[in-house]
Protein backbone atom coordinates (compact mmCIF):
# COMPACT_ATOMS: atom_id res chain seq x y z
CA MET A 1 -11.02 -3.32 120.35
CA ASP A 2 -13.08 -5.87 118.47
CA TRP A 3 -15.89 -4.15 116.54
CA ARG A 4 -18.42 -6.66 117.86
CA MET A 5 -17.50 -5.84 121.44
CA GLU A 6 -17.66 -2.13 120.67
CA ARG A 7 -21.16 -2.64 119.24
CA VAL A 8 -22.31 -4.49 122.39
CA LEU A 9 -20.84 -1.84 124.70
CA THR A 10 -22.42 0.97 122.70
CA PHE A 11 -25.80 -0.78 122.89
CA LEU A 12 -25.54 -1.42 126.65
CA ASN A 13 -24.47 2.16 127.26
CA ARG A 14 -27.32 3.55 125.14
CA THR A 15 -29.97 1.38 126.80
CA LYS A 16 -28.41 1.64 130.29
CA ILE A 17 -28.81 -2.11 130.85
CA ARG A 18 -26.13 -4.44 132.21
CA ALA A 19 -25.14 -7.82 130.77
CA THR A 20 -23.08 -10.56 132.35
CA TYR A 21 -19.66 -11.53 131.09
CA SER A 22 -21.09 -14.91 130.06
CA ALA A 23 -24.04 -13.34 128.19
CA VAL A 24 -21.68 -11.12 126.23
CA GLY A 25 -19.44 -14.14 125.57
CA GLU A 26 -22.38 -16.16 124.26
CA ALA A 27 -23.52 -13.27 122.08
CA LEU A 28 -20.03 -12.91 120.60
CA GLY A 29 -19.67 -16.59 119.80
CA GLU A 30 -19.25 -18.84 122.83
CA LEU A 31 -16.37 -16.92 124.42
CA SER A 32 -15.51 -17.45 128.07
CA GLY A 33 -16.17 -14.75 130.62
CA GLN A 34 -12.43 -14.43 131.11
CA THR A 35 -11.93 -13.82 127.39
CA VAL A 36 -14.66 -11.18 127.46
CA GLY A 37 -12.92 -9.48 130.38
CA GLY A 38 -9.72 -9.31 128.37
CA MET A 39 -11.53 -7.96 125.32
CA LEU A 40 -13.02 -5.09 127.33
CA GLY A 41 -9.64 -3.44 127.64
CA GLU A 42 -9.06 -0.75 130.24
CA ARG A 43 -11.59 -0.24 133.00
CA ARG A 44 -13.80 2.67 132.02
CA PRO A 45 -17.46 3.64 132.33
CA ILE A 46 -18.62 2.23 128.98
CA ALA A 47 -17.08 -1.17 129.79
CA SER A 48 -18.63 -1.26 133.26
CA TRP A 49 -21.99 -2.40 131.82
CA VAL A 50 -20.53 -5.92 131.62
CA VAL A 51 -20.93 -7.45 135.07
CA ASN A 52 -20.46 -10.51 137.26
CA SER A 53 -23.59 -12.70 137.27
CA LYS A 54 -23.56 -13.14 141.05
CA THR A 55 -22.87 -9.56 142.15
CA GLY A 56 -24.31 -7.53 139.26
CA ARG A 57 -21.14 -5.44 139.42
CA PRO A 58 -18.20 -5.14 137.03
CA THR A 59 -15.24 -7.15 138.32
CA ASN A 60 -12.46 -5.18 140.04
CA TYR A 61 -13.77 -1.75 139.05
CA GLU A 62 -13.39 1.28 141.28
CA THR A 63 -16.46 3.48 141.70
CA THR A 64 -14.85 6.16 139.53
CA GLN A 65 -14.45 3.64 136.68
CA CYS A 66 -18.17 2.78 136.65
CA HIS A 67 -20.86 4.54 134.66
CA PRO A 68 -22.90 6.85 136.92
CA ASP A 69 -26.16 5.23 135.70
CA LEU A 70 -24.95 1.65 136.21
CA TYR A 71 -27.50 0.76 138.89
CA LYS A 72 -30.47 2.83 137.73
CA SER A 73 -32.06 -0.27 136.24
CA SER A 74 -32.22 -3.64 137.96
CA HIS A 75 -32.41 -5.42 134.59
CA ILE A 76 -29.42 -7.56 133.62
CA HIS A 77 -29.07 -9.76 130.53
CA PHE A 78 -27.98 -13.19 131.75
CA THR A 79 -27.98 -14.98 128.38
CA GLY A 80 -26.52 -14.23 125.01
CA ILE A 81 -29.84 -14.89 123.27
CA ALA A 82 -31.63 -12.32 125.45
CA LEU A 83 -28.93 -9.77 124.70
CA LEU A 84 -28.99 -10.45 120.96
CA ARG A 85 -32.80 -10.32 120.84
CA HIS A 86 -32.78 -6.97 122.62
CA MET A 87 -30.09 -5.67 120.26
CA ALA A 88 -32.21 -6.79 117.31
CA GLY A 89 -35.19 -4.88 118.70
CA LEU A 90 -37.22 -7.95 119.53
CA ALA A 91 -39.31 -8.25 122.66
CA GLU A 92 -37.85 -10.34 125.43
């Protein structure tokens, strides 16, 4: 897996905040949501933090493949800049 994607997933998992496929794509350099989906690899809890912008859910994941804390926060990063600012420790 791409080290940049691994860094994003580790951050989302640590902070327990979701981000949309498009936000992750923007943060990684203007990648499409479909490309991001492919970069995530197998469906597993740490990858489930990346979600569909309309549903707030990871696409085509079974409940057992989702992180148990996935819906504890209603916050979702919808833009790459918001995600990057949060990762850098800057206030949103």
